[in-house]
């Protein structure tokens, strides 16, 4: 799966809503996304397909709104695999998604610093 992130999404949010909105969105994502990944990891460990699908579904749209496209694609695929009870296939994707989350959080924070979003 390709690693990529989309700064144009952050630039659009900055232009449309201003620094306060973007700051709030990044802060909310930074707090909730790791929790959602942790819930997904727990669901996978329990082999709980419905819980895995729910955890990844909730992360899908927020990742997309902020331009974390590689993360969004990974969790979309994990959700589909969970809905099909193909849990073993979801394992490596969840590892990839967790790594993509760290990358996304890093570049979002860098974008915010570069654009003086506080």
C-alpha atoms as a PDB file:
ATOM      1  CA  UNK A   1       0.000   0.000   0.000  1.00  0.00           C
ATOM      2  CA  UNK A   2       1.325   3.413  -0.959  1.00  0.00           C
ATOM      3  CA  UNK A   3       2.370   5.888   1.730  1.00  0.00           C
ATOM      4  CA  UNK A   4       1.084   9.393   1.054  1.00  0.00           C
ATOM      5  CA  UNK A   5      -0.521  12.339   2.725  1.00  0.00           C
ATOM      6  CA  UNK A   6      -2.230  15.336   1.255  1.00  0.00           C
ATOM      7  CA  UNK A   7      -1.260  18.771   2.493  1.00  0.00           C
ATOM      8  CA  UNK A   8      -3.786  20.363   0.104  1.00  0.00           C
ATOM      9  CA  UNK A   9      -6.541  19.039   2.392  1.00  0.00           C
ATOM     10  CA  UNK A  10      -4.986  20.903   5.322  1.00  0.00           C
ATOM     11  CA  UNK A  11      -4.475  24.017   3.202  1.00  0.00           C
ATOM     12  CA  UNK A  12      -8.131  23.931   2.156  1.00  0.00           C
ATOM     13  CA  UNK A  13      -9.269  23.562   5.759  1.00  0.00           C
ATOM     14  CA  UNK A  14      -6.990  26.417   6.781  1.00  0.00           C
ATOM     15  CA  UNK A  15      -8.385  28.695   4.049  1.00  0.00           C
ATOM     16  CA  UNK A  16     -12.006  27.679   4.612  1.00  0.00           C
ATOM     17  CA  UNK A  17     -12.124  27.626   8.392  1.00  0.00           C
ATOM     18  CA  UNK A  18      -9.067  29.477   9.570  1.00  0.00           C
ATOM     19  CA  UNK A  19      -6.341  28.461  11.966  1.00  0.00           C
ATOM     20  CA  UNK A  20      -8.636  27.894  14.939  1.00  0.00           C
ATOM     21  CA  UNK A  21     -10.751  25.315  13.090  1.00  0.00           C
ATOM     22  CA  UNK A  22      -7.716  23.508  11.692  1.00  0.00           C
ATOM     23  CA  UNK A  23      -5.994  23.514  15.063  1.00  0.00           C
ATOM     24  CA  UNK A  24      -9.078  22.025  16.688  1.00  0.00           C
ATOM     25  CA  UNK A  25      -9.414  19.349  14.020  1.00  0.00           C
ATOM     26  CA  UNK A  26      -5.766  18.347  14.295  1.00  0.00           C
ATOM     27  CA  UNK A  27      -5.987  18.273  18.087  1.00  0.00           C
ATOM     28  CA  UNK A  28      -9.136  16.143  18.040  1.00  0.00           C
ATOM     29  CA  UNK A  29      -7.621  13.759  15.507  1.00  0.00           C
ATOM     30  CA  UNK A  30      -4.355  13.547  17.471  1.00  0.00           C
ATOM     31  CA  UNK A  31      -6.322  12.531  20.545  1.00  0.00           C
ATOM     32  CA  UNK A  32      -8.916  10.208  19.037  1.00  0.00           C
ATOM     33  CA  UNK A  33      -7.059   8.434  16.233  1.00  0.00           C
ATOM     34  CA  UNK A  34      -4.553   6.597  18.466  1.00  0.00           C
ATOM     35  CA  UNK A  35      -7.475   5.464  20.638  1.00  0.00           C
ATOM     36  CA  UNK A  36      -9.277   4.145  17.563  1.00  0.00           C
ATOM     37  CA  UNK A  37      -6.175   2.255  16.427  1.00  0.00           C
ATOM     38  CA  UNK A  38      -5.864   0.799  19.938  1.00  0.00           C
ATOM     39  CA  UNK A  39      -9.526  -0.305  19.815  1.00  0.00           C
ATOM     40  CA  UNK A  40      -8.893  -1.895  16.422  1.00  0.00           C
ATOM     41  CA  UNK A  41      -5.816  -3.714  17.748  1.00  0.00           C
ATOM     42  CA  UNK A  42      -7.801  -4.958  20.742  1.00  0.00           C
ATOM     43  CA  UNK A  43     -10.641  -6.130  18.495  1.00  0.00           C
ATOM     44  CA  UNK A  44      -8.192  -7.938  16.249  1.00  0.00           C
ATOM     45  CA  UNK A  45      -6.550  -9.629  19.253  1.00  0.00           C
ATOM     46  CA  UNK A  46     -10.000 -10.814  20.390  1.00  0.00           C
ATOM     47  CA  UNK A  47     -10.888 -11.835  16.819  1.00  0.00           C
ATOM     48  CA  UNK A  48     -13.927  -9.547  17.112  1.00  0.00           C
ATOM     49  CA  UNK A  49     -14.777  -8.665  13.523  1.00  0.00           C
ATOM     50  CA  UNK A  50     -17.717  -6.313  14.286  1.00  0.00           C
ATOM     51  CA  UNK A  51     -15.618  -4.313  16.768  1.00  0.00           C
ATOM     52  CA  UNK A  52     -12.747  -4.111  14.278  1.00  0.00           C
ATOM     53  CA  UNK A  53     -15.087  -2.859  11.573  1.00  0.00           C
ATOM     54  CA  UNK A  54     -16.552  -0.253  13.947  1.00  0.00           C
ATOM     55  CA  UNK A  55     -13.149   0.996  15.108  1.00  0.00           C
ATOM     56  CA  UNK A  56     -11.795   1.395  11.592  1.00  0.00           C
ATOM     57  CA  UNK A  57     -15.015   2.888  10.235  1.00  0.00           C
ATOM     58  CA  UNK A  58     -14.865   5.682  12.776  1.00  0.00           C
ATOM     59  CA  UNK A  59     -11.304   6.529  11.729  1.00  0.00           C
ATOM     60  CA  UNK A  60     -11.938   6.455   7.984  1.00  0.00           C
ATOM     61  CA  UNK A  61     -13.674   9.800   7.506  1.00  0.00           C
ATOM     62  CA  UNK A  62     -11.549  11.838   9.911  1.00  0.00           C
ATOM     63  CA  UNK A  63      -8.361  10.584   8.252  1.00  0.00           C
ATOM     64  CA  UNK A  64      -9.783  11.529   4.865  1.00  0.00           C
ATOM     65  CA  UNK A  65     -10.887  14.997   5.950  1.00  0.00           C
ATOM     66  CA  UNK A  66      -7.367  15.787   7.119  1.00  0.00           C
ATOM     67  CA  UNK A  67      -5.677  14.343   4.043  1.00  0.00           C
ATOM     68  CA  UNK A  68      -4.201  11.219   5.636  1.00  0.00           C
ATOM     69  CA  UNK A  69      -5.020   9.287   2.490  1.00  0.00           C
ATOM     70  CA  UNK A  70      -2.784   6.256   3.039  1.00  0.00           C
ATOM     71  CA  UNK A  71      -4.279   5.807   6.504  1.00  0.00           C
ATOM     72  CA  UNK A  72      -7.781   6.277   5.126  1.00  0.00           C
ATOM     73  CA  UNK A  73      -7.254   3.639   2.431  1.00  0.00           C
ATOM     74  CA  UNK A  74      -5.770   1.184   4.942  1.00  0.00           C
ATOM     75  CA  UNK A  75      -8.610   1.481   7.446  1.00  0.00           C
ATOM     76  CA  UNK A  76     -11.184   1.297   4.646  1.00  0.00           C
ATOM     77  CA  UNK A  77      -9.662  -1.989   3.528  1.00  0.00           C
ATOM     78  CA  UNK A  78      -9.456  -3.267   7.117  1.00  0.00           C
ATOM     79  CA  UNK A  79     -13.126  -2.438   7.631  1.00  0.00           C
ATOM     80  CA  UNK A  80     -14.052  -4.398   4.504  1.00  0.00           C
ATOM     81  CA  UNK A  81     -11.954  -7.372   5.583  1.00  0.00           C
ATOM     82  CA  UNK A  82     -13.551  -7.299   9.038  1.00  0.00           C
ATOM     83  CA  UNK A  83     -17.027  -7.214   7.517  1.00  0.00           C
ATOM     84  CA  UNK A  84     -16.050 -10.372   5.614  1.00  0.00           C
ATOM     85  CA  UNK A  85     -14.506 -11.942   8.779  1.00  0.00           C
ATOM     86  CA  UNK A  86     -11.115 -12.101   7.045  1.00  0.00           C
ATOM     87  CA  UNK A  87      -9.251 -11.195  10.225  1.00  0.00           C
ATOM     88  CA  UNK A  88      -5.873 -12.705   9.340  1.00  0.00           C
ATOM     89  CA  UNK A  89      -5.674 -10.531   6.243  1.00  0.00           C
ATOM     90  CA  UNK A  90      -6.393  -7.457   8.360  1.00  0.00           C
ATOM     91  CA  UNK A  91      -3.404  -7.972  10.681  1.00  0.00           C
ATOM     92  CA  UNK A  92      -0.632  -6.627   8.416  1.00  0.00           C
ATOM     93  CA  UNK A  93      -2.848  -3.777   7.255  1.00  0.00           C
ATOM     94  CA  UNK A  94      -3.474  -2.701  10.833  1.00  0.00           C
ATOM     95  CA  UNK A  95       0.278  -2.593  11.432  1.00  0.00           C
ATOM     96  CA  UNK A  96       0.594  -0.447   8.302  1.00  0.00           C
ATOM     97  CA  UNK A  97      -2.296   1.783   9.452  1.00  0.00           C
ATOM     98  CA  UNK A  98      -0.674   2.353  12.845  1.00  0.00           C
ATOM     99  CA  UNK A  99       2.567   3.391  11.133  1.00  0.00           C
ATOM    100  CA  UNK A 100       0.668   5.670   8.763  1.00  0.00           C
ATOM    101  CA  UNK A 101      -1.053   7.294  11.718  1.00  0.00           C
ATOM    102  CA  UNK A 102       2.313   8.213  13.216  1.00  0.00           C
ATOM    103  CA  UNK A 103       3.473   9.629   9.872  1.00  0.00           C
ATOM    104  CA  UNK A 104       0.239  11.598   9.454  1.00  0.00           C
ATOM    105  CA  UNK A 105       0.378  13.047  12.956  1.00  0.00           C
ATOM    106  CA  UNK A 106       3.953  14.133  12.351  1.00  0.00           C
ATOM    107  CA  UNK A 107       3.270  15.937   9.082  1.00  0.00           C
ATOM    108  CA  UNK A 108       0.070  17.511  10.446  1.00  0.00           C
ATOM    109  CA  UNK A 109       2.028  18.935  13.367  1.00  0.00           C
ATOM    110  CA  UNK A 110       4.732  20.144  10.982  1.00  0.00           C
ATOM    111  CA  UNK A 111       2.125  21.756   8.728  1.00  0.00           C
ATOM    112  CA  UNK A 112       0.577  23.485  11.730  1.00  0.00           C
ATOM    113  CA  UNK A 113       3.984  24.781  12.853  1.00  0.00           C
ATOM    114  CA  UNK A 114       4.896  25.941   9.328  1.00  0.00           C
ATOM    115  CA  UNK A 115       1.615  27.809   8.980  1.00  0.00           C
ATOM    116  CA  UNK A 116       1.587  29.140  12.548  1.00  0.00           C
ATOM    117  CA  UNK A 117      -1.591  27.238  13.396  1.00  0.00           C
ATOM    118  CA  UNK A 118      -1.880  27.132  17.170  1.00  0.00           C
END
